[in-house]
Amino acid sequence: DKARGAVALAGRAGADLSERLARMPEADTRRVVTAAYQQLLAAGEAEAKATSLLHASQVQVQEARRSLQETRALASAQADAAARELDARLTATQREYEAKLRFVFEQLQEAQAQARGGSADTGSSYPS
């Protein structure tokens, strides 16, 4: 309904304009038509500028998305490398403590064997 009303209003305005232009002196009619044409040109230029700015904004958004993807990929690779490094350090530390713990248990077994009265050689080895 609103669209129909707007179309009807535009039709009445167009008819009213035609009647008024027909009654105006030719010089005034030329001035009105020239002014309307200049406004139309200005609107076209403004639309062209807006379209250009929109395109530039779209290009910037695409570049920002690409840069974000690259940054995410780099951050992910760095996080993976850091996780591998941490895992390697933890594994090395775990192995070191396991070796020390084995040594302590071997020493404890030797001490227990000696405490029982025998000097049994348990074949303990020292970790490297």
Foldseek 3Di string as FASTA:
>chain_A
DVVVVVVVVVVVVVVVVVVVLVPDDPVVNVVVVVVVVVVVVVVVVVVVVVVVVVVVVVVVVVVVVVVVVVVVVVVVVVVVVVVVVVVVVVVVVVVVVVLVVLLVVLVVVQVVCVVVPDNDDPPHDHDD
